[in-house]
Amino acid sequence: MDTDTEIGEVQSIEQLDDGTIILEGESEALGFRITDEDLQESLIKAVQNTDPY
């Protein structure tokens, strides 16, 4: 399995009711499920605060 996924600049981040987090990037979308709520919040904050430059 290729784990080096290049999604480009993140366009949006969405959290579904079941804990799945969807990152929509320029080139492709990435979805994954995280069950730890603290980790979910940390990840969303990190993505929202990322400066692409």
Protein backbone atom coordinates (compact mmCIF):
# COMPACT_ATOMS: atom_id res chain seq x y z
CA MET A 1 0.00 0.00 0.00
CA ASP A 2 1.34 3.41 -0.98
CA THR A 3 1.27 5.65 2.07
CA ASP A 4 2.86 8.67 0.39
CA THR A 5 -0.30 10.49 -0.67
CA GLU A 6 -0.03 13.98 -2.07
CA ILE A 7 -3.38 15.73 -1.74
CA GLY A 8 -2.06 19.22 -2.38
CA GLU A 9 -3.34 22.18 -0.43
CA VAL A 10 -6.25 21.23 1.82
CA GLN A 11 -9.45 22.80 0.53
CA SER A 12 -11.77 21.61 3.30
CA ILE A 13 -11.91 19.34 6.32
CA GLU A 14 -15.09 17.63 7.43
CA GLN A 15 -15.81 15.46 10.44
CA LEU A 16 -18.62 12.93 10.10
CA ASP A 17 -20.79 11.66 12.97
CA ASP A 18 -18.96 8.33 13.09
CA GLY A 19 -15.59 10.02 13.63
CA THR A 20 -14.41 9.78 10.04
CA ILE A 21 -12.36 12.80 9.01
CA ILE A 22 -12.38 13.78 5.35
CA LEU A 23 -9.63 16.03 4.02
CA GLU A 24 -10.38 17.36 0.57
CA GLY A 25 -7.26 18.48 -1.23
CA GLU A 26 -6.45 19.99 -4.60
CA SER A 27 -5.67 16.68 -6.22
CA GLU A 28 -7.59 14.09 -4.19
CA ALA A 29 -9.59 13.53 -1.03
CA LEU A 30 -8.36 11.55 1.95
CA GLY A 31 -10.70 9.93 4.46
CA PHE A 32 -9.80 8.16 7.66
CA ARG A 33 -11.40 7.23 10.94
CA ILE A 34 -9.97 8.23 14.29
CA THR A 35 -11.78 7.08 17.41
CA ASP A 36 -9.86 9.19 19.95
CA GLU A 37 -11.79 12.47 20.24
CA ASP A 38 -8.80 14.43 21.60
CA LEU A 39 -6.73 13.30 18.62
CA GLN A 40 -9.55 14.29 16.24
CA GLU A 41 -9.66 17.82 17.65
CA SER A 42 -5.87 18.15 17.58
CA LEU A 43 -5.70 17.00 13.96
CA ILE A 44 -8.44 19.37 12.81
CA LYS A 45 -6.78 22.31 14.59
CA ALA A 46 -3.40 21.39 13.10
CA VAL A 47 -4.78 21.23 9.57
CA GLN A 48 -6.69 24.49 9.94
CA ASN A 49 -3.58 26.26 11.26
CA THR A 50 -1.19 24.95 8.61
CA ASP A 51 0.40 27.61 6.45
CA PRO A 52 1.12 26.04 3.04
CA TYR A 53 4.07 28.37 2.48
